[in-house]
Protein backbone atom coordinates (compact mmCIF):
# COMPACT_ATOMS: atom_id res chain seq x y z
CA UNK A 1 29.23 35.63 156.49
CA UNK A 2 28.77 32.97 153.79
CA UNK A 3 30.80 29.80 153.94
CA UNK A 4 32.75 30.75 150.79
CA UNK A 5 33.63 34.19 152.11
CA UNK A 6 34.65 32.65 155.42
CA UNK A 7 36.99 30.25 153.63
CA UNK A 8 38.55 33.13 151.66
CA UNK A 9 39.03 35.11 154.86
CA UNK A 10 40.76 32.21 156.58
CA UNK A 11 42.99 31.54 153.56
CA UNK A 12 43.93 35.22 153.21
CA UNK A 13 44.72 35.51 156.93
CA UNK A 14 47.01 32.49 156.66
CA UNK A 15 48.78 33.95 153.62
CA UNK A 16 49.35 37.25 155.43
CA UNK A 17 50.68 35.51 158.54
CA UNK A 18 53.02 33.22 156.61
CA UNK A 19 54.19 35.43 153.75
CA UNK A 20 53.06 38.98 154.48
CA UNK A 21 54.41 39.41 157.98
CA UNK A 22 58.03 40.05 159.01
CA UNK A 23 59.75 39.96 162.40
CA UNK A 24 62.95 41.86 163.19
CA UNK A 25 64.48 38.53 164.25
CA UNK A 26 64.21 37.37 160.63
CA UNK A 27 64.93 40.57 158.70
CA UNK A 28 66.51 43.96 159.20
CA UNK A 29 63.75 46.49 159.91
CA UNK A 30 64.56 50.18 159.76
CA UNK A 31 62.36 52.83 161.32
CA UNK A 32 61.90 56.34 159.93
CA UNK A 33 64.55 57.41 162.40
CA UNK A 34 66.98 55.10 160.54
CA UNK A 35 67.55 53.05 163.68
CA UNK A 36 67.40 49.29 163.54
CA UNK A 37 64.72 47.82 165.77
CA UNK A 38 65.92 45.39 168.42
CA UNK A 39 62.45 43.87 168.55
CA UNK A 40 59.61 44.55 166.22
CA UNK A 41 57.48 43.50 163.30
CA UNK A 42 55.74 44.85 160.27
CA UNK A 43 53.22 43.78 157.67
CA UNK A 44 54.66 43.32 154.18
CA UNK A 45 51.38 42.57 152.44
CA UNK A 46 52.65 43.96 149.12
CA UNK A 47 54.76 40.81 148.98
CA UNK A 48 51.68 38.69 148.25
CA UNK A 49 49.32 41.05 146.41
CA UNK A 50 50.18 39.73 142.95
CA UNK A 51 49.70 36.09 143.88
CA UNK A 52 46.69 35.01 141.75
CA UNK A 53 45.20 32.93 144.55
CA UNK A 54 45.52 35.83 147.01
CA UNK A 55 44.02 38.19 144.43
CA UNK A 56 41.03 35.89 144.14
CA UNK A 57 40.50 35.83 147.90
CA UNK A 58 40.74 39.63 148.09
CA UNK A 59 38.11 40.05 145.42
CA UNK A 60 35.87 37.53 147.15
CA UNK A 61 36.13 39.29 150.51
CA UNK A 62 35.55 42.75 149.07
CA UNK A 63 32.41 41.80 147.20
CA UNK A 64 31.18 39.94 150.22
CA UNK A 65 31.18 43.30 152.02
CA UNK A 66 29.76 45.28 149.08
CA UNK A 67 27.42 42.88 147.29
CA UNK A 68 24.47 45.21 147.82
CA UNK A 69 26.03 48.15 145.96
CA UNK A 70 25.17 48.99 142.37
CA UNK A 71 27.43 50.80 139.91
CA UNK A 72 30.79 51.29 141.60
CA UNK A 73 34.33 52.55 141.03
CA UNK A 74 37.30 51.10 142.89
CA UNK A 75 40.23 53.47 143.50
CA UNK A 76 43.56 52.80 145.14
CA UNK A 77 46.63 54.73 146.15
CA UNK A 78 49.90 53.60 144.65
CA UNK A 79 51.61 51.19 145.28
CA UNK A 80 49.50 48.62 147.10
CA UNK A 81 46.28 50.08 145.73
CA UNK A 82 47.11 49.11 142.15
CA UNK A 83 47.02 45.30 142.54
CA UNK A 84 44.13 45.65 144.97
CA UNK A 85 42.08 47.56 142.41
CA UNK A 86 42.96 44.98 139.78
CA UNK A 87 41.88 42.09 142.05
CA UNK A 88 38.60 43.72 143.03
CA UNK A 89 37.64 44.96 139.56
CA UNK A 90 38.40 41.57 138.02
CA UNK A 91 36.37 39.80 140.70
CA UNK A 92 33.57 42.32 140.40
CA UNK A 93 33.37 41.95 136.64
CA UNK A 94 32.16 38.38 137.08
CA UNK A 95 29.78 39.25 139.94
CA UNK A 96 28.58 42.72 138.95
CA UNK A 97 28.90 42.59 135.17
CA UNK A 98 29.67 45.98 133.65
CA UNK A 99 28.83 47.89 136.83
CA UNK A 100 32.35 48.11 138.20
CA UNK A 101 35.47 49.97 137.02
CA UNK A 102 38.68 51.18 138.58
CA UNK A 103 41.48 53.74 138.59
CA UNK A 104 44.40 54.61 140.84
CA UNK A 105 45.84 57.73 142.42
CA UNK A 106 49.42 58.84 142.69
CA UNK A 107 50.78 59.73 146.12
CA UNK A 108 51.82 63.01 144.57
CA UNK A 109 51.22 64.61 141.22
CA UNK A 110 53.55 63.55 138.42
CA UNK A 111 55.97 66.38 137.60
CA UNK A 112 56.26 65.79 133.86
CA UNK A 113 54.26 64.34 130.98
CA UNK A 114 50.53 64.86 131.60
CA UNK A 115 51.26 65.64 135.28
CA UNK A 116 48.25 63.66 136.48
CA UNK A 117 47.26 62.78 140.01
CA UNK A 118 44.53 60.36 138.87
CA UNK A 119 45.39 57.62 136.38
CA UNK A 120 42.62 55.78 134.54
CA UNK A 121 39.10 56.49 133.34
CA UNK A 122 36.87 58.11 135.93
CA UNK A 123 33.07 58.12 135.87
CA UNK A 124 31.68 61.27 137.46
CA UNK A 125 28.34 59.71 138.38
CA UNK A 126 29.61 56.55 140.11
CA UNK A 127 30.41 56.38 143.85
CA UNK A 128 33.96 55.39 144.76
CA UNK A 129 35.36 52.91 147.26
CA UNK A 130 38.97 53.70 148.20
CA UNK A 131 41.09 50.61 148.93
CA UNK A 132 44.51 50.03 150.47
CA UNK A 133 46.44 47.28 152.19
CA UNK A 134 46.64 49.02 155.59
CA UNK A 135 45.17 51.93 157.49
CA UNK A 136 47.03 53.31 160.48
CA UNK A 137 46.80 57.07 160.95
CA UNK A 138 44.71 57.35 157.78
CA UNK A 139 46.61 60.43 156.57
CA UNK A 140 47.29 59.09 153.08
CA UNK A 141 43.64 58.19 152.56
CA UNK A 142 42.54 61.57 153.87
CA UNK A 143 44.50 63.29 151.16
CA UNK A 144 43.01 61.07 148.47
CA UNK A 145 39.50 61.90 149.70
CA UNK A 146 40.31 65.61 149.38
CA UNK A 147 41.74 65.10 145.87
CA UNK A 148 38.68 63.18 144.70
CA UNK A 149 36.21 65.58 146.28
CA UNK A 150 38.11 68.43 144.66
CA UNK A 151 37.33 66.80 141.32
CA UNK A 152 33.63 66.66 142.15
CA UNK A 153 33.68 62.92 142.90
CA UNK A 154 32.00 61.12 145.80
CA UNK A 155 33.85 58.71 148.06
CA UNK A 156 31.27 56.25 149.40
CA UNK A 157 33.58 54.15 151.56
CA UNK A 158 37.05 52.90 152.46
CA UNK A 159 38.05 49.24 152.48
CA UNK A 160 41.44 47.94 153.63
CA UNK A 161 42.92 44.58 154.40
CA UNK A 162 44.26 45.42 157.90
CA UNK A 163 43.13 48.21 160.23
CA UNK A 164 45.56 49.28 162.97
CA UNK A 165 43.32 51.49 165.12
CA UNK A 166 39.89 51.58 166.65
CA UNK A 167 37.24 53.07 164.38
CA UNK A 168 36.77 55.95 166.84
CA UNK A 169 40.24 57.16 165.83
CA UNK A 170 38.95 58.26 162.42
CA UNK A 171 36.55 61.16 163.00
CA UNK A 172 37.61 62.70 159.68
CA UNK A 173 35.91 59.90 157.75
CA UNK A 174 32.99 59.68 160.14
CA UNK A 175 32.27 63.40 159.77
CA UNK A 176 32.15 62.94 156.00
CA UNK A 177 29.86 59.88 156.31
CA UNK A 178 32.54 57.65 154.78
CA UNK A 179 32.43 54.21 156.45
CA UNK A 180 35.76 52.47 157.07
CA UNK A 181 35.67 48.69 156.62
CA UNK A 182 38.50 46.20 156.90
CA UNK A 183 38.95 42.51 156.28
CA UNK A 184 41.01 42.28 159.50
CA UNK A 185 42.20 44.38 162.39
CA UNK A 186 45.35 43.88 164.47
CA UNK A 187 43.56 41.82 167.07
CA UNK A 188 42.89 39.18 164.42
CA UNK A 189 46.65 38.54 164.47
CA UNK A 190 47.13 38.26 168.24
CA UNK A 191 48.60 34.77 167.94
CA UNK A 192 51.04 35.83 165.24
CA UNK A 193 52.05 39.05 167.00
CA UNK A 194 52.35 37.34 170.35
CA UNK A 195 50.24 39.88 172.23
CA UNK A 196 46.63 40.86 172.87
CA UNK A 197 44.43 43.90 172.33
CA UNK A 198 46.85 45.80 170.13
CA UNK A 199 44.11 48.20 169.11
CA UNK A 200 43.89 50.78 171.88
CA UNK A 201 40.71 52.75 172.41
CA UNK A 202 42.25 55.55 174.45
CA UNK A 203 44.48 56.97 171.70
CA UNK A 204 44.01 60.66 170.90
CA UNK A 205 42.36 61.22 167.56
CA UNK A 206 44.03 63.39 164.94
CA UNK A 207 41.37 65.84 163.89
CA UNK A 208 40.78 68.18 160.99
CA UNK A 209 41.36 71.36 162.95
CA UNK A 210 40.59 73.94 160.28
CA UNK A 211 37.50 74.98 158.37
CA UNK A 212 37.94 76.32 154.81
CA UNK A 213 36.47 79.81 154.36
CA UNK A 214 37.31 80.19 150.67
CA UNK A 215 39.72 78.96 148.03
CA UNK A 216 41.28 80.92 145.16
CA UNK A 217 42.89 79.27 142.14
CA UNK A 218 45.34 81.32 140.07
CA UNK A 219 45.36 78.70 137.30
CA UNK A 220 48.03 77.29 134.98
CA UNK A 221 50.44 76.04 137.68
CA UNK A 222 53.97 74.74 137.09
CA UNK A 223 53.75 71.33 138.71
CA UNK A 224 57.32 70.42 137.80
CA UNK A 225 58.80 73.08 140.14
CA UNK A 226 58.39 71.64 143.62
CA UNK A 227 60.08 74.39 145.62
CA UNK A 228 58.96 77.25 147.83
CA UNK A 229 57.35 79.83 145.60
CA UNK A 230 55.86 83.15 146.71
CA UNK A 231 54.72 83.19 150.35
CA UNK A 232 51.42 84.98 150.92
CA UNK A 233 51.51 88.15 153.01
CA UNK A 234 48.55 89.86 154.68
CA UNK A 235 47.66 93.51 155.13
CA UNK A 236 44.59 94.89 156.90
CA UNK A 237 42.12 94.00 154.13
CA UNK A 238 44.04 92.20 151.41
CA UNK A 239 46.31 89.20 150.99
CA UNK A 240 49.11 89.26 148.38
CA UNK A 241 51.13 86.57 146.62
CA UNK A 242 52.91 85.92 143.35
CA UNK A 243 52.28 83.00 141.01
CA UNK A 244 54.61 80.93 138.87
CA UNK A 245 52.70 82.07 135.76
CA UNK A 246 53.99 85.62 136.39
CA UNK A 247 50.83 87.19 137.84
CA UNK A 248 50.98 89.00 141.16
CA UNK A 249 47.64 88.79 142.97
CA UNK A 250 45.88 91.00 145.47
CA UNK A 251 42.83 89.27 146.97
CA UNK A 252 40.13 90.40 149.35
CA UNK A 253 40.62 88.56 152.63
CA UNK A 254 36.90 88.39 153.29
CA UNK A 255 35.74 86.50 150.21
CA UNK A 256 38.87 85.65 148.19
CA UNK A 257 37.93 87.75 145.17
CA UNK A 258 40.67 89.38 143.07
CA UNK A 259 41.00 93.09 143.87
CA UNK A 260 43.76 93.63 141.32
CA UNK A 261 46.51 91.71 139.55
CA UNK A 262 49.78 92.63 137.88
CA UNK A 263 51.50 90.72 135.05
CA UNK A 264 55.31 90.86 135.10
CA UNK A 265 57.48 90.83 131.98
CA UNK A 266 58.98 87.98 129.96
CA UNK A 267 60.30 85.15 132.11
CA UNK A 268 61.30 81.47 131.81
CA UNK A 269 58.19 79.31 131.43
CA UNK A 270 56.80 78.27 134.79
CA UNK A 271 59.11 80.59 136.75
CA UNK A 272 57.24 83.87 136.91
CA UNK A 273 57.27 84.96 140.55
CA UNK A 274 58.91 82.84 143.25
CA UNK A 275 59.82 85.91 145.31
CA UNK A 276 57.75 86.45 148.45
CA UNK A 277 56.35 89.96 148.76
CA UNK A 278 57.17 92.48 151.46
CA UNK A 279 54.55 95.00 152.54
CA UNK A 280 55.74 98.37 153.86
CA UNK A 281 53.36 101.23 154.52
CA UNK A 282 51.27 101.52 151.33
CA UNK A 283 53.64 99.66 149.01
CA UNK A 284 54.14 95.99 148.19
CA UNK A 285 57.60 94.91 146.93
CA UNK A 286 58.64 91.70 145.16
CA UNK A 287 61.08 90.35 142.59
CA UNK A 288 60.38 88.29 139.46
CA UNK A 289 62.16 86.01 137.02
CA UNK A 290 61.99 88.75 134.39
CA UNK A 291 64.91 90.23 136.36
CA UNK A 292 62.97 93.15 137.85
CA UNK A 293 62.08 94.35 141.33
CA UNK A 294 58.59 95.85 141.55
CA UNK A 295 57.10 98.44 143.89
CA UNK A 296 53.31 98.58 143.52
CA UNK A 297 50.65 100.54 145.32
CA UNK A 298 49.18 98.04 147.78
CA UNK A 299 45.59 99.26 147.29
CA UNK A 300 45.46 99.74 143.52
CA UNK A 301 48.35 97.75 142.03
CA UNK A 302 49.58 100.88 140.27
CA UNK A 303 53.32 100.83 139.53
CA UNK A 304 55.43 103.12 141.71
CA UNK A 305 58.82 102.08 140.35
CA UNK A 306 60.67 99.15 138.75
CA UNK A 307 64.33 98.35 139.42
CA UNK A 308 65.87 96.70 136.36
CA UNK A 309 69.39 95.35 136.75
CA UNK A 310 69.33 91.53 136.95
CA UNK A 311 68.52 88.73 134.53
CA UNK A 312 66.43 86.77 137.04
CA UNK A 313 65.23 87.21 140.62
CA UNK A 314 64.05 84.37 142.85
CA UNK A 315 65.09 86.10 146.07
CA UNK A 316 62.59 87.81 148.37
CA UNK A 317 63.11 91.41 149.45
CA UNK A 318 63.53 92.65 153.01
CA UNK A 319 63.14 96.24 154.20
CA UNK A 320 65.31 98.31 156.53
CA UNK A 321 62.80 100.87 157.75
CA UNK A 322 65.39 102.94 159.58
CA UNK A 323 67.58 103.20 156.47
CA UNK A 324 64.85 103.55 153.87
CA UNK A 325 66.37 100.64 151.95
CA UNK A 326 65.19 97.41 150.39
CA UNK A 327 67.64 94.50 150.02
CA UNK A 328 67.27 91.67 147.50
CA UNK A 329 69.39 88.94 145.91
CA UNK A 330 70.03 89.05 142.17
CA UNK A 331 70.98 86.52 139.49
CA UNK A 332 72.94 87.15 136.29
CA UNK A 333 73.68 85.12 133.17
CA UNK A 334 77.38 85.98 132.94
CA UNK A 335 80.19 83.54 133.73
CA UNK A 336 81.89 84.48 136.99
CA UNK A 337 79.15 87.04 137.57
CA UNK A 338 76.24 84.94 138.64
CA UNK A 339 74.92 86.42 141.87
CA UNK A 340 74.82 89.45 144.08
CA UNK A 341 72.83 91.71 146.37
CA UNK A 342 71.50 95.22 145.81
CA UNK A 343 70.36 97.91 148.24
CA UNK A 344 67.53 99.93 146.68
CA UNK A 345 66.02 103.21 147.85
CA UNK A 346 62.45 102.47 148.96
CA UNK A 347 61.06 105.76 147.67
CA UNK A 348 62.83 106.13 144.33
CA UNK A 349 63.84 102.62 143.28
CA UNK A 350 67.42 103.82 142.73
CA UNK A 351 70.34 101.63 143.67
CA UNK A 352 72.29 102.83 146.71
CA UNK A 353 74.94 100.11 146.68
CA UNK A 354 75.54 96.66 145.23
CA UNK A 355 77.81 93.63 145.57
CA UNK A 356 77.90 91.59 142.36
CA UNK A 357 80.89 89.31 142.99
CA UNK A 358 79.18 86.06 143.99
CA UNK A 359 80.31 83.25 141.66
CA UNK A 360 76.97 81.37 141.77
CA UNK A 361 73.30 82.34 141.57
CA UNK A 362 71.86 84.16 144.58
CA UNK A 363 68.39 82.78 145.24
CA UNK A 364 68.67 83.28 148.99
CA UNK A 365 66.74 86.11 150.60
CA UNK A 366 68.55 88.72 152.72
CA UNK A 367 67.93 89.25 156.44
CA UNK A 368 68.33 92.73 157.89
CA UNK A 369 69.65 92.87 161.46
CA UNK A 370 68.20 96.19 162.51
CA UNK A 371 70.04 96.75 165.78
CA UNK A 372 73.39 96.30 164.04
CA UNK A 373 72.56 97.93 160.69
CA UNK A 374 73.87 94.83 158.96
CA UNK A 375 72.41 92.57 156.27
CA UNK A 376 73.24 88.91 155.61
CA UNK A 377 72.54 86.90 152.47
CA UNK A 378 73.56 83.49 151.12
CA UNK A 379 74.27 82.20 147.64
CA UNK A 380 74.50 78.98 145.66
CA UNK A 381 78.24 79.02 146.28
CA UNK A 382 77.44 77.90 149.83
CA UNK A 383 78.71 81.15 151.31
CA UNK A 384 76.98 83.47 153.76
CA UNK A 385 77.92 87.15 153.31
CA UNK A 386 77.50 89.83 156.00
CA UNK A 387 77.48 93.48 154.90
CA UNK A 388 77.35 96.89 156.45
CA UNK A 389 73.80 97.73 155.41
CA UNK A 390 74.49 101.45 155.09
CA UNK A 391 77.31 101.39 152.54
CA UNK A 392 77.65 97.75 151.40
CA UNK A 393 81.05 97.07 152.95
CA UNK A 394 81.64 93.32 153.14
CA UNK A 395 82.31 92.49 156.79
CA UNK A 396 82.89 88.75 156.50
CA UNK A 397 82.19 85.60 154.49
CA UNK A 398 81.40 82.20 155.96
CA UNK A 399 82.07 79.26 153.63
CA UNK A 400 80.14 76.04 154.14
CA UNK A 401 82.26 74.12 151.61
CA UNK A 402 84.01 74.48 148.27
CA UNK A 403 82.71 74.41 144.71
CA UNK A 404 83.90 72.26 141.83
CA UNK A 405 84.59 73.72 138.38
CA UNK A 406 81.36 72.19 137.10
CA UNK A 407 79.42 73.87 139.90
CA UNK A 408 81.07 77.19 139.15
CA UNK A 409 80.09 76.81 135.51
CA UNK A 410 76.44 76.00 136.20
CA UNK A 411 75.84 78.39 139.10
CA UNK A 412 74.38 75.62 141.29
CA UNK A 413 76.10 73.41 143.85
CA UNK A 414 75.52 70.72 146.46
CA UNK A 415 75.96 73.36 149.17
CA UNK A 416 73.49 75.98 147.90
CA UNK A 417 72.08 78.33 150.52
CA UNK A 418 68.55 78.63 149.16
CA UNK A 419 66.53 80.52 151.74
CA UNK A 420 66.92 83.23 154.34
CA UNK A 421 68.36 83.38 157.86
CA UNK A 422 67.34 83.54 161.49
CA UNK A 423 68.99 85.81 164.02
CA UNK A 424 69.25 84.89 167.69
CA UNK A 425 69.71 88.24 169.42
CA UNK A 426 70.27 86.67 172.84
CA UNK A 427 73.36 84.75 171.69
CA UNK A 428 74.23 87.04 168.77
CA UNK A 429 74.08 84.11 166.33
CA UNK A 430 73.16 83.98 162.66
CA UNK A 431 71.52 80.65 161.74
CA UNK A 432 71.00 79.10 158.30
CA UNK A 433 70.96 75.78 156.48
CA UNK A 434 72.41 74.61 153.18
CA UNK A 435 71.35 72.07 150.57
CA UNK A 436 73.83 69.53 151.88
CA UNK A 437 71.84 69.22 155.08
CA UNK A 438 73.82 71.20 157.66
CA UNK A 439 72.35 73.87 159.91
CA UNK A 440 75.06 76.40 160.82
CA UNK A 441 75.28 78.65 163.87
CA UNK A 442 77.66 81.53 163.13
CA UNK A 443 78.78 84.33 165.44
CA UNK A 444 77.62 87.62 163.95
CA UNK A 445 80.52 89.54 165.43
CA UNK A 446 83.34 87.81 163.55
CA UNK A 447 81.80 85.14 161.30
CA UNK A 448 83.23 82.22 163.25
CA UNK A 449 81.33 78.99 163.68
CA UNK A 450 79.71 78.42 167.07
CA UNK A 451 78.15 75.06 166.20
CA UNK A 452 76.30 72.98 163.65
CA UNK A 453 73.50 70.46 163.39
CA UNK A 454 73.42 67.84 160.64
CA UNK A 455 70.24 66.42 159.07
CA UNK A 456 70.04 63.54 156.63
CA UNK A 457 69.18 65.75 153.64
CA UNK A 458 69.21 69.43 152.79
CA UNK A 459 67.49 72.52 154.13
CA UNK A 460 65.35 74.49 151.66
CA UNK A 461 63.48 76.59 154.22
CA UNK A 462 64.19 79.39 156.66
CA UNK A 463 64.93 78.50 160.30
CA UNK A 464 62.71 80.13 162.94
CA UNK A 465 63.60 81.02 166.52
CA UNK A 466 61.29 79.73 169.26
CA UNK A 467 62.34 80.59 172.82
CA UNK A 468 65.77 78.96 173.32
CA UNK A 469 65.48 76.70 170.28
CA UNK A 470 65.44 77.01 166.52
CA UNK A 471 62.94 75.21 164.28
CA UNK A 472 64.33 74.02 160.95
CA UNK A 473 62.56 71.92 158.30
CA UNK A 474 64.56 69.50 156.18
CA UNK A 475 64.11 67.62 152.94
CA UNK A 476 64.65 64.45 154.98
CA UNK A 477 60.95 64.82 155.95
CA UNK A 478 61.63 66.10 159.46
CA UNK A 479 61.02 69.33 161.30
CA UNK A 480 63.81 69.67 163.85
CA UNK A 481 63.74 71.60 167.10
CA UNK A 482 67.37 72.33 168.01
CA UNK A 483 68.65 73.72 171.31
CA UNK A 484 70.47 77.04 170.80
CA UNK A 485 72.98 76.41 173.58
CA UNK A 486 73.99 72.81 172.88
CA UNK A 487 73.05 72.62 169.16
CA UNK A 488 71.45 69.26 169.86
CA UNK A 489 68.02 67.96 168.97
CA UNK A 490 65.20 68.74 171.41
CA UNK A 491 62.57 66.95 169.33
CA UNK A 492 61.83 66.12 165.73
CA UNK A 493 58.61 65.50 163.86
CA UNK A 494 58.19 63.37 160.75
CA UNK A 495 55.86 64.83 158.12
CA UNK A 496 55.86 61.69 155.98
CA UNK A 497 57.13 63.66 152.97
CA UNK A 498 59.70 66.30 152.12
CA UNK A 499 59.33 69.69 153.79
CA UNK A 500 60.11 72.89 151.89
CA UNK A 501 57.83 75.06 153.99
CA UNK A 502 59.15 77.44 156.63
CA UNK A 503 57.49 76.89 160.02
CA UNK A 504 55.20 79.55 161.47
CA UNK A 505 54.95 79.93 165.25
CA UNK A 506 51.89 81.35 167.03
CA UNK A 507 51.05 81.08 170.74
CA UNK A 508 53.40 78.14 171.37
CA UNK A 509 52.04 76.27 168.37
CA UNK A 510 53.89 75.52 165.14
CA UNK A 511 52.14 75.43 161.75
CA UNK A 512 54.05 73.66 159.00
CA UNK A 513 53.16 72.47 155.49
CA UNK A 514 54.66 69.52 153.63
CA UNK A 515 54.57 67.66 150.33
CA UNK A 516 51.73 65.55 151.72
CA UNK A 517 49.51 68.56 151.04
CA UNK A 518 48.88 68.78 154.76
CA UNK A 519 49.22 71.75 157.09
CA UNK A 520 49.93 70.39 160.56
CA UNK A 521 49.60 72.14 163.89
CA UNK A 522 52.20 71.02 166.47
CA UNK A 523 52.96 71.72 170.09
CA UNK A 524 56.08 73.91 169.84
CA UNK A 525 57.54 72.57 173.08
CA UNK A 526 57.14 68.86 172.31
CA UNK A 527 56.48 68.41 168.58
CA UNK A 528 53.24 66.57 169.32
CA UNK A 529 50.62 66.76 166.58
CA UNK A 530 47.48 68.66 167.51
CA UNK A 531 45.43 69.04 164.33
CA UNK A 532 45.74 69.37 160.57
CA UNK A 533 44.29 70.83 157.40
CA UNK A 534 44.38 68.70 154.24
CA UNK A 535 44.83 70.40 150.86
CA UNK A 536 44.89 68.62 147.51
CA UNK A 537 48.38 69.72 146.43
CA UNK A 538 51.81 70.11 148.04
CA UNK A 539 52.29 72.93 150.54
CA UNK A 540 55.80 74.28 150.02
CA UNK A 541 55.35 77.78 151.43
CA UNK A 542 55.01 79.38 154.81
CA UNK A 543 51.47 80.16 155.94
CA UNK A 544 50.33 83.72 156.62
CA UNK A 545 48.10 84.75 159.51
CA UNK A 546 45.84 87.71 160.23
CA UNK A 547 45.57 88.19 164.03
CA UNK A 548 42.49 90.39 163.68
CA UNK A 549 40.38 87.90 161.72
CA UNK A 550 42.27 84.87 163.14
CA UNK A 551 42.43 83.39 159.66
CA UNK A 552 45.30 81.45 158.09
CA UNK A 553 46.26 81.70 154.43
CA UNK A 554 47.73 78.51 152.97
CA UNK A 555 49.33 78.47 149.52
CA UNK A 556 49.96 75.28 147.52
CA UNK A 557 52.57 74.91 144.80
CA UNK A 558 49.65 74.83 142.31
CA UNK A 559 48.82 78.57 142.65
CA UNK A 560 45.96 77.78 145.05
CA UNK A 561 45.37 79.92 148.10
CA UNK A 562 43.15 78.62 150.91
CA UNK A 563 41.72 80.84 153.60
CA UNK A 564 41.05 78.69 156.68
CA UNK A 565 40.19 79.24 160.30
CA UNK A 566 40.67 77.01 163.32
CA UNK A 567 37.81 74.92 164.61
CA UNK A 568 36.93 76.01 168.14
């Protein structure tokens, strides 16, 4: 290390210790669990990143580590990455001449305007060094690597100011031959932190547990709708899903090629098909925002029938095999007639019965309770409705709150029930969440409340039963495991971003997507992370799984379908 670089390192370390480090004794520190720490600390390096002297030291240190590199691009993740890129590019301009440039990446794609993930001019033929203030788990940087590689760019290295873990913790980067360098690690701050050897070498490494087999892109995605769209569903040979551009796709599971596609009718821009398909015998059923329910031959895509009664359909159908009926929620454009449910004959597409008296839109998907011949559905009025599935008799309504006049006028409310339900046969409970953030446990027999569980923000996914618990994902970034007897939390897992995806349980493991673009595998009993798969866009839908091929099918909100398999 040259004397000048050594002086910059010492000066930067002092600035971090004095102005970029906070103790809980001096400031209120809140964890992700919203609990104030009695004792603790954190680095607040963003506090000093725009100091011109600090910026100079950062540039000096970076180029001391990379002086031997030629043409180079510096990229950073917002927010800390922006001043870091500026410091390094400015310093490199004097040292490297015109051989250095920079750009930054958004944590998530912008939902309006140009809807970019990458901001700034990018040179395809220049290697990239990703920079950030800290690296702990490395999850954020992993996603940025996937985004850049998806654009055909090469990440040549990662450089951060402070590294929290031993280098052995990052096999993801090592496997990609991406070196991780840092100006400091935690042990450089032993005196400040008041402890020694903070970097442990026995920590389990979070590994990329899935290998991509193929990827299909449906094109022309609606980035501004960040909601669950059409879940993929698998048959023996094909996988099916709808896209927001209004095309329903049938793909070959082996290679991801399109077997057939079907274009639905006129629909609001960007809201073609959000309905998840149901596969029954040789027919695939789904709804669309053109207001129609479709029954297509699963092998050829040939139309069998179309049910035309609604203005829009975002609900997903469910089938009662014993009754020969398909149930689906409907939406209408009339005041005081906004939502409802229809029972449709599977063979003919004719309506058997309907209930069109819901005062708000019905986006929720019905659940058929086969042993009771009953069907339950929710609506944007915050009400759960239970019907006799044979004749449509309303058995009870459960209200989660009351609507204002403005909410009645718009068809949306703060207590929307957006997704479907879970049924706990053992306790005879119907379970669902609303947009306000409450998970309700309702007795099927009489519609009375047995209990509730409250999250910080709303539920926009379907709860799933696992043994004597229910798994429910919230927009407060947590997946909750709730005991079905006490209605209390067994464990919770923080995804680091909002979760719209419904969890999928297989062999005591949970697979859940999030707005990080990451599919995570968890231990269902403890919530402990096991492995992950990193996509480039948000994962808002439930994954599908083929037990014969042991392949997972992961859909992003950008009309991309990944076929992946677990690493053994």
